[in-house]
Amino acid sequence: MFEFTIFSKFMIPLSEKLRPNAFKNVSGQREIVETIETIVKNGRPLSLLFFGPPGCGKTTLARLYAKSFDLPLVSLSAVLNTTQELKKILKEGQDSPLFSRQTIVFVDEIHRFNRAQQDIFLPFLEDGTLILIGATTENPSFVLNNALLSRLRVLKLEPLVADDLEQIIKRYEELGFPLSLSEEERKRLIADAQGDGRHLLNMIENLEGGLKVQKKLPLYDRHQEGHYNLISALHKSVRGSDPDAALYWFARMLEGGEDPLYLARRMIRMAAEDIGLADPNALTIALNAWNVYKMLGSPEGELALAETIIYLALSPKSNAVYTAYGQARKLAADTGHLDPPNHILNAPTKLMKEFGYGKDYQYDHDLPNAFSGDNYFPESMERQSLYHPVERGFEREMKKRLEYFQKLRGKN
C-alpha cells in the first residue's frame, strides 16, 4: 500500500505523533470501531463518511480503515484542493499506476467541497474505481448532495468523554513525559478540552513549552446545525418545565456568541406556543424581557432574560391556542370561498339591505347576559369547535367561561 498526499509537514504536531496505529489504541468511539472492524473482517471495503465534532477521531479512524485494506490511498483536503486539482487527481490519474487497481480516496473536511465538486466523485464510485472515505464536522444532510450521500455509509462520532481524554494523556506520559499537574489541574485540563482530543494535546504542548493554556471555545456556530440543536434543546426544556436545563442551554447559547435578542424573540414564541392562556402573564413578561434587554444590553439585560426563562419553564403549559389556531388556518384554507352569514354583515346601502345584509342581527349588549347565541360561521358550515382549554393554570377559568357560553347557546 502506498499513499499520495497533498499535505506538507514542516513540523509534526503532538496530535500527529500520538495518532493511534491500531484500532485497539483508539480512544473512545467503541461502537464505531466495532462497526469498522466488522467491515474490515468481511474483506470488502465500503465508502464511509465519518461525521463528528473536531478532535473526536475521524481522521484517525479513516486512516486506520484505509490501512486495513491492501489498496492505494489518496489523501485530499477540501480546504487545500481546488476543483481543477481534484479533477486532475481523479480523472487524469486513471492513466497512472495509482489507479491501476481500486483506490481508496480520503477527503478531509469534505463538506467544504460544493455540491458540483461533490458530483465529480460519482462516476468513480459508480464503476467501483474508488472507495471514498470522507470526514466532516457538519451534518451531512445539510452539506452533501443526495447523490453522494446515498453512496456513503454515515458513521456518527461523539465528543470524547473524560476517560477517553485521560487515556490520551496517559499515552503521552508513556513516552516519558509525565505531566507535573495536580489532580485538580488534570481534571481542569480535561474539562477545558471539551471533548476534543486534538485540543487537549495542543494544550499539553503549550504547557510543556511554558505557554498559557487556552480553553477551547464552545463548539457553536450561529448559522449552522449547532444553533438549531441548542435552540431546540432550550425550547423543549422550557416546554418540559425544567428550569435548570433551560438555563443551561440558554447559557450555552450565550457563551457561544448567540444574539440575546434572538433568544428574547424565541421566548416570546415559547410563551405564545407552549403556555398561551394557561398563564397570560407569560407573554407580557417575555415582551418586557425583550424591552429590558434592548434598554440595558449585555451583561445587565441578560439577567432579565434568565429570569424569563425560569418563569416560562415553571409556568403551567397549554398549546390549546397554538392547536386551535392551526386548525382554524386549515379550515380557512379549505373554506375560503364561503361568505359570512348575512345577519352579521353591515348594510350601508339600500341594495345590500335588499340582499338581507344585517337582517335580524341581535345586538348582544341589549340582551340578557350580553349574549345572543347567534351563529357566526358561514351558513353552509356546521358550527366548529376549535379551542379546547386545558385544566391547567388560567385556562381552567377559560374553560369555565367557554362552558358557560356553550350552555347559554344550547338554551337559545
Protein backbone atom coordinates (compact mmCIF):
# COMPACT_ATOMS: atom_id res chain seq x y z
CA MET A 1 0.00 0.00 0.00
CA PHE A 2 1.29 3.46 -0.85
CA GLU A 3 -0.03 6.92 -0.15
CA PHE A 4 -0.17 10.09 -2.24
CA THR A 5 -0.88 13.16 -0.11
CA ILE A 6 -1.20 16.89 -0.68
CA PHE A 7 -0.14 17.89 2.85
CA SER A 8 3.24 19.38 3.69
CA LYS A 9 4.82 18.59 7.07
CA PHE A 10 7.40 21.08 8.27
CA MET A 11 6.71 20.35 11.93
CA ILE A 12 4.80 17.36 13.19
CA PRO A 13 2.33 18.35 15.92
CA LEU A 14 1.90 16.23 19.02
CA SER A 15 -1.55 15.11 17.87
CA GLU A 16 0.06 13.55 14.80
CA LYS A 17 2.87 11.93 16.75
CA LEU A 18 0.40 10.26 19.12
CA ARG A 19 -2.08 9.20 16.46
CA PRO A 20 -3.04 5.55 17.17
CA ASN A 21 -1.63 2.95 14.77
CA ALA A 22 -4.22 0.29 15.58
CA PHE A 23 -7.95 0.21 16.32
CA LYS A 24 -7.31 -1.10 19.84
CA ASN A 25 -5.42 2.09 20.71
CA VAL A 26 -8.21 4.45 19.63
CA SER A 27 -9.65 6.49 22.49
CA GLY A 28 -13.43 6.21 22.70
CA GLN A 29 -15.84 5.52 19.82
CA ARG A 30 -16.01 1.81 20.68
CA GLU A 31 -19.26 1.14 18.77
CA ILE A 32 -17.88 2.84 15.67
CA VAL A 33 -14.62 0.89 15.97
CA GLU A 34 -16.55 -2.38 16.22
CA THR A 35 -18.56 -1.49 13.12
CA ILE A 36 -15.39 -0.70 11.17
CA GLU A 37 -13.68 -3.89 12.32
CA THR A 38 -16.70 -5.88 11.12
CA ILE A 39 -16.47 -4.26 7.68
CA VAL A 40 -12.74 -4.99 7.57
CA LYS A 41 -13.32 -8.59 8.64
CA ASN A 42 -15.75 -9.05 5.76
CA GLY A 43 -12.91 -8.05 3.42
CA ARG A 44 -15.00 -5.74 1.24
CA PRO A 45 -14.23 -2.02 1.65
CA LEU A 46 -17.27 0.26 1.74
CA SER A 47 -17.39 4.00 1.15
CA LEU A 48 -17.79 5.70 4.53
CA LEU A 49 -18.42 9.15 5.93
CA PHE A 50 -17.17 9.99 9.43
CA PHE A 51 -19.34 12.73 10.93
CA GLY A 52 -18.47 14.27 14.29
CA PRO A 53 -17.02 17.27 16.16
CA PRO A 54 -13.35 18.30 15.94
CA GLY A 55 -10.82 16.09 17.70
CA CYS A 56 -13.06 13.04 18.13
CA GLY A 57 -11.00 10.66 15.95
CA LYS A 58 -12.46 11.00 12.44
CA THR A 59 -9.12 11.23 10.63
CA THR A 60 -7.55 8.51 12.77
CA LEU A 61 -10.35 6.05 12.09
CA ALA A 62 -10.39 6.91 8.40
CA ARG A 63 -6.65 6.26 8.07
CA LEU A 64 -6.80 3.02 10.05
CA TYR A 65 -9.73 1.86 7.95
CA ALA A 66 -7.88 2.59 4.72
CA LYS A 67 -4.73 0.95 6.08
CA SER A 68 -6.69 -2.23 6.79
CA PHE A 69 -7.05 -2.95 3.06
CA ASP A 70 -4.15 -3.58 0.72
CA LEU A 71 -5.13 -0.75 -1.59
CA PRO A 72 -3.54 2.54 -2.69
CA LEU A 73 -4.60 5.58 -0.67
CA VAL A 74 -5.02 9.14 -1.92
CA SER A 75 -5.48 11.80 0.78
CA LEU A 76 -7.14 15.07 -0.19
CA SER A 77 -8.20 18.13 1.75
CA ALA A 78 -11.28 20.07 0.73
CA VAL A 79 -9.62 23.08 2.33
CA LEU A 80 -6.49 22.91 0.15
CA ASN A 81 -7.53 21.29 -3.12
CA THR A 82 -9.34 23.21 -5.84
CA THR A 83 -11.79 21.78 -8.35
CA GLN A 84 -9.12 21.72 -11.04
CA GLU A 85 -6.73 19.81 -8.78
CA LEU A 86 -9.49 17.41 -7.84
CA LYS A 87 -10.32 16.69 -11.48
CA LYS A 88 -6.65 16.26 -12.32
CA ILE A 89 -6.04 13.83 -9.47
CA LEU A 90 -9.17 11.78 -10.14
CA LYS A 91 -9.59 11.92 -13.91
CA GLU A 92 -6.07 12.20 -15.23
CA GLY A 93 -4.89 9.83 -12.52
CA GLN A 94 -6.78 6.99 -14.16
CA ASP A 95 -3.95 6.65 -16.67
CA SER A 96 -1.30 6.43 -13.95
CA PRO A 97 -0.23 3.39 -11.93
CA LEU A 98 -2.06 4.94 -8.97
CA PHE A 99 -5.42 3.89 -10.42
CA SER A 100 -4.26 0.58 -11.86
CA ARG A 101 -6.49 -1.05 -9.25
CA GLN A 102 -9.24 0.02 -6.88
CA THR A 103 -8.10 3.03 -4.86
CA ILE A 104 -9.21 4.48 -1.54
CA VAL A 105 -9.62 8.27 -1.51
CA PHE A 106 -9.75 10.02 1.85
CA VAL A 107 -11.22 13.55 1.80
CA ASP A 108 -10.89 15.57 4.99
CA GLU A 109 -13.39 18.42 5.52
CA ILE A 110 -15.43 17.03 2.61
CA HIS A 111 -18.26 19.45 3.39
CA ARG A 112 -16.09 22.26 2.03
CA PHE A 113 -16.47 20.86 -1.48
CA ASN A 114 -19.59 22.41 -3.00
CA ARG A 115 -22.30 20.21 -4.47
CA ALA A 116 -20.92 20.48 -8.01
CA GLN A 117 -17.47 19.42 -6.80
CA GLN A 118 -19.00 16.51 -4.91
CA ASP A 119 -20.51 15.22 -8.17
CA ILE A 120 -17.00 14.63 -9.50
CA PHE A 121 -16.71 11.55 -7.29
CA LEU A 122 -19.94 9.93 -8.51
CA PRO A 123 -18.79 8.16 -11.71
CA PHE A 124 -15.74 6.72 -9.92
CA LEU A 125 -17.90 5.40 -7.09
CA GLU A 126 -20.43 4.06 -9.57
CA ASP A 127 -17.93 1.96 -11.54
CA GLY A 128 -16.07 0.86 -8.41
CA THR A 129 -12.81 2.60 -9.29
CA LEU A 130 -12.76 4.41 -5.95
CA ILE A 131 -13.69 3.76 -2.35
CA LEU A 132 -14.43 7.15 -0.79
CA ILE A 133 -13.80 7.94 2.87
CA GLY A 134 -14.98 11.37 3.95
CA ALA A 135 -14.67 13.27 7.23
CA THR A 136 -16.87 16.19 8.20
CA THR A 137 -17.83 18.24 11.23
CA GLU A 138 -21.09 19.35 9.59
CA ASN A 139 -24.38 17.49 9.40
CA PRO A 140 -24.21 15.52 6.13
CA SER A 141 -27.91 16.13 5.49
CA PHE A 142 -27.16 19.82 5.00
CA VAL A 143 -23.75 19.82 3.31
CA LEU A 144 -23.64 16.78 0.99
CA ASN A 145 -25.82 16.30 -2.05
CA ASN A 146 -28.20 13.38 -2.01
CA ALA A 147 -26.48 11.53 -4.83
CA LEU A 148 -23.18 11.36 -2.96
CA LEU A 149 -24.75 10.81 0.45
CA SER A 150 -26.71 7.80 -0.83
CA ARG A 151 -23.44 6.11 -1.76
CA LEU A 152 -21.84 6.53 1.67
CA ARG A 153 -22.42 4.80 4.98
CA VAL A 154 -22.50 7.56 7.62
CA LEU A 155 -20.84 6.84 10.97
CA LYS A 156 -21.62 9.45 13.63
CA LEU A 157 -18.88 10.04 16.21
CA GLU A 158 -19.40 11.69 19.59
CA PRO A 159 -17.17 14.08 21.57
CA LEU A 160 -14.62 12.25 23.71
CA VAL A 161 -15.56 11.76 27.35
CA ALA A 162 -13.26 12.39 30.33
CA ASP A 163 -11.98 8.77 30.42
CA ASP A 164 -11.09 8.94 26.73
CA LEU A 165 -9.13 12.16 27.24
CA GLU A 166 -7.38 10.69 30.29
CA GLN A 167 -6.30 7.79 28.08
CA ILE A 168 -4.73 10.25 25.65
CA ILE A 169 -2.82 11.94 28.49
CA LYS A 170 -1.52 8.55 29.69
CA ARG A 171 -0.39 7.72 26.15
CA TYR A 172 1.61 10.95 26.15
CA GLU A 173 3.10 10.21 29.57
CA GLU A 174 4.12 6.74 28.40
CA LEU A 175 6.51 8.49 26.04
CA GLY A 176 8.44 9.56 29.12
CA PHE A 177 6.92 12.98 29.67
CA PRO A 178 4.88 12.89 32.90
CA LEU A 179 2.73 15.95 33.41
CA SER A 180 3.51 17.78 36.64
CA LEU A 181 -0.12 18.60 37.40
CA SER A 182 -2.22 18.15 40.50
CA GLU A 183 -5.32 16.01 40.24
CA GLU A 184 -7.47 19.14 40.18
CA GLU A 185 -5.34 20.71 37.43
CA ARG A 186 -5.50 17.50 35.44
CA LYS A 187 -9.31 17.50 35.69
CA ARG A 188 -9.37 21.15 34.67
CA LEU A 189 -7.22 20.38 31.63
CA ILE A 190 -9.62 17.64 30.56
CA ALA A 191 -12.65 19.87 31.15
CA ASP A 192 -11.10 22.69 29.12
CA ALA A 193 -10.58 20.33 26.17
CA GLN A 194 -14.39 19.99 25.88
CA GLY A 195 -14.28 16.55 24.28
CA ASP A 196 -11.61 17.48 21.71
CA GLY A 197 -8.57 15.18 21.82
CA ARG A 198 -6.56 17.34 19.43
CA HIS A 199 -7.14 20.45 21.51
CA LEU A 200 -6.12 18.52 24.62
CA LEU A 201 -2.77 17.67 23.02
CA ASN A 202 -2.34 21.26 21.83
CA MET A 203 -2.83 22.45 25.42
CA ILE A 204 -0.25 19.89 26.61
CA GLU A 205 2.21 21.22 24.03
CA ASN A 206 1.61 24.73 25.32
CA LEU A 207 2.15 23.61 28.91
CA GLU A 208 5.40 21.87 28.05
CA GLY A 209 6.52 24.94 26.14
CA GLY A 210 5.80 27.22 29.08
CA LEU A 211 2.85 28.86 27.31
CA LYS A 212 -0.52 29.73 28.75
CA VAL A 213 -3.22 27.16 28.13
CA GLN A 214 -6.20 28.45 26.20
CA LYS A 215 -9.57 26.92 26.93
CA LYS A 216 -11.35 25.64 23.85
CA LEU A 217 -14.10 27.94 22.68
CA PRO A 218 -17.62 26.46 22.71
CA LEU A 219 -18.45 24.41 19.62
CA TYR A 220 -21.19 26.63 18.29
CA ASP A 221 -21.97 28.33 15.02
CA ARG A 222 -24.94 30.67 14.92
CA HIS A 223 -25.54 29.81 11.26
CA GLN A 224 -25.04 26.04 11.36
CA GLU A 225 -26.54 22.94 12.94
CA GLY A 226 -25.28 23.75 16.45
CA HIS A 227 -27.54 26.80 16.51
CA TYR A 228 -30.65 24.78 15.68
CA ASN A 229 -29.76 21.91 18.01
CA LEU A 230 -29.26 24.19 21.01
CA ILE A 231 -32.34 26.33 20.44
CA SER A 232 -34.34 23.11 20.13
CA ALA A 233 -32.88 21.91 23.43
CA LEU A 234 -33.71 25.23 25.09
CA HIS A 235 -37.26 25.35 23.77
CA LYS A 236 -38.02 21.75 24.72
CA SER A 237 -36.52 22.21 28.19
CA VAL A 238 -38.91 25.12 28.76
CA ARG A 239 -41.80 23.09 27.36
CA GLY A 240 -40.78 20.23 29.65
CA SER A 241 -40.91 22.55 32.71
CA ASP A 242 -37.21 22.06 33.56
CA PRO A 243 -35.79 25.47 34.55
CA ASP A 244 -32.31 24.09 35.28
CA ALA A 245 -31.87 22.50 31.86
CA ALA A 246 -33.41 25.57 30.23
CA LEU A 247 -30.92 27.86 31.99
CA TYR A 248 -28.07 25.59 30.95
CA TRP A 249 -28.94 25.68 27.24
CA PHE A 250 -29.64 29.41 27.48
CA ALA A 251 -26.14 29.94 28.93
CA ARG A 252 -24.61 27.61 26.31
CA MET A 253 -26.04 29.73 23.52
CA LEU A 254 -24.89 32.99 25.09
CA GLU A 255 -21.40 31.56 25.67
CA GLY A 256 -21.35 30.53 22.02
CA GLY A 257 -21.98 34.11 20.93
CA GLU A 258 -25.71 33.92 20.17
CA ASP A 259 -27.56 37.22 19.80
CA PRO A 260 -29.50 37.71 23.08
CA LEU A 261 -32.30 39.45 21.19
CA TYR A 262 -32.78 36.30 19.13
CA LEU A 263 -33.22 34.37 22.37
CA ALA A 264 -35.64 37.02 23.64
CA ARG A 265 -37.74 36.64 20.48
CA ARG A 266 -37.76 32.86 20.90
CA MET A 267 -39.00 33.28 24.48
CA ILE A 268 -41.92 35.31 23.17
CA ARG A 269 -42.69 32.44 20.82
CA MET A 270 -42.46 29.93 23.71
CA ALA A 271 -44.88 31.99 25.77
CA ALA A 272 -47.42 32.03 22.95
CA GLU A 273 -46.96 28.45 21.74
CA ASP A 274 -46.42 26.40 24.89
CA ILE A 275 -48.07 28.45 27.64
CA GLY A 276 -50.72 30.52 25.94
CA LEU A 277 -53.72 31.30 28.08
CA ALA A 278 -52.66 28.91 30.82
CA ASP A 279 -50.73 31.97 32.02
CA PRO A 280 -51.47 35.15 30.03
CA ASN A 281 -48.76 36.94 32.02
CA ALA A 282 -46.07 34.80 30.35
CA LEU A 283 -46.35 36.68 27.07
CA THR A 284 -46.23 40.04 28.86
CA ILE A 285 -43.16 39.00 30.85
CA ALA A 286 -41.40 37.76 27.71
CA LEU A 287 -42.13 41.04 25.91
CA ASN A 288 -40.88 43.01 28.92
CA ALA A 289 -37.65 40.99 28.99
CA TRP A 290 -37.09 41.79 25.32
CA ASN A 291 -37.55 45.51 26.04
CA VAL A 292 -35.34 45.37 29.13
CA TYR A 293 -32.50 43.81 27.13
CA LYS A 294 -32.90 46.42 24.38
CA MET A 295 -32.62 49.09 27.05
CA LEU A 296 -29.71 47.69 29.09
CA GLY A 297 -27.81 45.43 26.69
CA SER A 298 -25.24 42.90 27.95
CA PRO A 299 -24.48 41.79 30.56
CA GLU A 300 -27.15 43.50 32.70
CA GLY A 301 -30.03 42.75 30.36
CA GLU A 302 -29.17 39.04 30.26
CA LEU A 303 -30.44 38.66 33.82
CA ALA A 304 -33.94 39.68 32.69
CA LEU A 305 -33.78 37.00 30.00
CA ALA A 306 -32.63 34.40 32.53
CA GLU A 307 -35.49 35.40 34.84
CA THR A 308 -37.92 34.94 31.98
CA ILE A 309 -36.53 31.52 31.09
CA ILE A 310 -37.21 30.34 34.65
CA TYR A 311 -40.70 31.88 34.67
CA LEU A 312 -41.62 30.25 31.35
CA ALA A 313 -40.25 26.87 32.41
CA LEU A 314 -42.31 26.89 35.61
CA SER A 315 -45.50 28.28 34.05
CA PRO A 316 -48.50 25.98 33.50
CA LYS A 317 -48.35 24.66 29.95
CA SER A 318 -51.01 24.64 27.26
CA ASN A 319 -50.81 24.51 23.49
CA ALA A 320 -54.59 24.90 23.15
CA VAL A 321 -54.27 28.30 21.44
CA TYR A 322 -51.50 27.02 19.17
CA THR A 323 -53.58 23.97 18.19
CA ALA A 324 -56.79 25.95 17.75
CA TYR A 325 -55.03 28.49 15.52
CA GLY A 326 -53.54 25.71 13.39
CA GLN A 327 -56.94 24.09 12.92
CA ALA A 328 -58.53 27.46 12.14
CA ARG A 329 -55.95 28.13 9.42
CA LYS A 330 -56.57 24.74 7.84
CA LEU A 331 -60.32 25.27 7.97
CA ALA A 332 -59.94 28.74 6.50
CA ALA A 333 -57.80 27.38 3.64
CA ASP A 334 -60.43 24.74 2.84
CA THR A 335 -63.47 27.01 3.08
CA GLY A 336 -62.18 30.37 1.87
CA HIS A 337 -65.00 30.58 -0.71
CA LEU A 338 -67.76 30.81 1.91
CA ASP A 339 -69.20 34.20 2.92
CA PRO A 340 -70.12 35.24 6.46
CA PRO A 341 -73.81 34.81 7.32
CA ASN A 342 -75.95 37.73 6.14
CA HIS A 343 -77.15 38.76 9.57
CA ILE A 344 -73.69 39.82 10.76
CA LEU A 345 -72.89 41.85 7.62
CA ASN A 346 -73.25 45.63 7.61
CA ALA A 347 -75.75 47.12 5.15
CA PRO A 348 -74.68 50.70 4.35
CA THR A 349 -76.63 50.73 1.03
CA LYS A 350 -80.24 50.07 0.05
CA LEU A 351 -79.21 47.25 -2.28
CA MET A 352 -77.32 45.48 0.50
CA LYS A 353 -80.36 45.71 2.72
CA GLU A 354 -82.39 44.13 -0.08
CA PHE A 355 -79.90 41.28 -0.12
CA GLY A 356 -80.70 40.71 3.57
CA TYR A 357 -77.45 42.07 4.96
CA GLY A 358 -77.80 42.78 8.68
CA LYS A 359 -81.36 41.40 8.84
CA ASP A 360 -82.33 40.00 12.25
CA TYR A 361 -78.95 40.85 13.77
CA GLN A 362 -79.14 40.88 17.59
CA TYR A 363 -77.00 43.41 19.44
CA ASP A 364 -75.59 41.29 22.24
CA HIS A 365 -75.31 44.14 24.75
CA ASP A 366 -79.07 44.65 24.64
CA LEU A 367 -79.78 41.06 25.62
CA PRO A 368 -79.69 39.17 28.95
CA ASN A 369 -76.13 38.09 29.83
CA ALA A 370 -74.99 40.21 26.84
CA PHE A 371 -75.23 37.06 24.74
CA SER A 372 -77.39 36.31 21.70
CA GLY A 373 -76.14 32.84 20.83
CA ASP A 374 -76.23 33.71 17.12
CA ASN A 375 -74.32 31.72 14.51
CA TYR A 376 -71.18 33.48 13.26
CA PHE A 377 -69.87 30.77 10.93
CA PRO A 378 -70.83 30.59 7.23
CA GLU A 379 -74.41 29.43 6.85
CA SER A 380 -73.44 26.28 4.91
CA MET A 381 -70.86 25.24 7.52
CA GLU A 382 -71.60 23.42 10.73
CA ARG A 383 -70.53 25.12 13.90
CA GLN A 384 -66.87 24.31 14.66
CA SER A 385 -65.15 23.59 17.98
CA LEU A 386 -61.52 24.67 17.71
CA TYR A 387 -60.40 25.91 21.14
CA HIS A 388 -60.16 23.29 23.87
CA PRO A 389 -58.66 24.78 27.03
CA VAL A 390 -56.79 22.50 29.43
CA GLU A 391 -57.30 22.04 33.15
CA ARG A 392 -54.12 23.95 33.99
CA GLY A 393 -53.42 27.48 35.14
CA PHE A 394 -55.66 30.29 33.97
CA GLU A 395 -57.13 28.09 31.22
CA ARG A 396 -59.23 26.42 33.90
CA GLU A 397 -61.03 29.77 34.12
CA MET A 398 -61.19 30.00 30.32
CA LYS A 399 -62.76 26.53 30.22
CA LYS A 400 -65.44 27.63 32.70
CA ARG A 401 -66.23 30.66 30.53
CA LEU A 402 -66.37 28.56 27.39
CA GLU A 403 -68.71 26.03 29.00
CA TYR A 404 -70.87 28.89 30.35
CA PHE A 405 -71.46 30.31 26.87
CA GLN A 406 -71.92 26.84 25.37
CA LYS A 407 -74.66 26.22 27.93
CA LEU A 408 -76.37 29.54 27.12
CA ARG A 409 -76.08 28.80 23.40
CA GLY A 410 -77.81 25.47 23.94
CA LYS A 411 -80.77 27.25 25.57
CA ASN A 412 -81.19 29.74 22.73
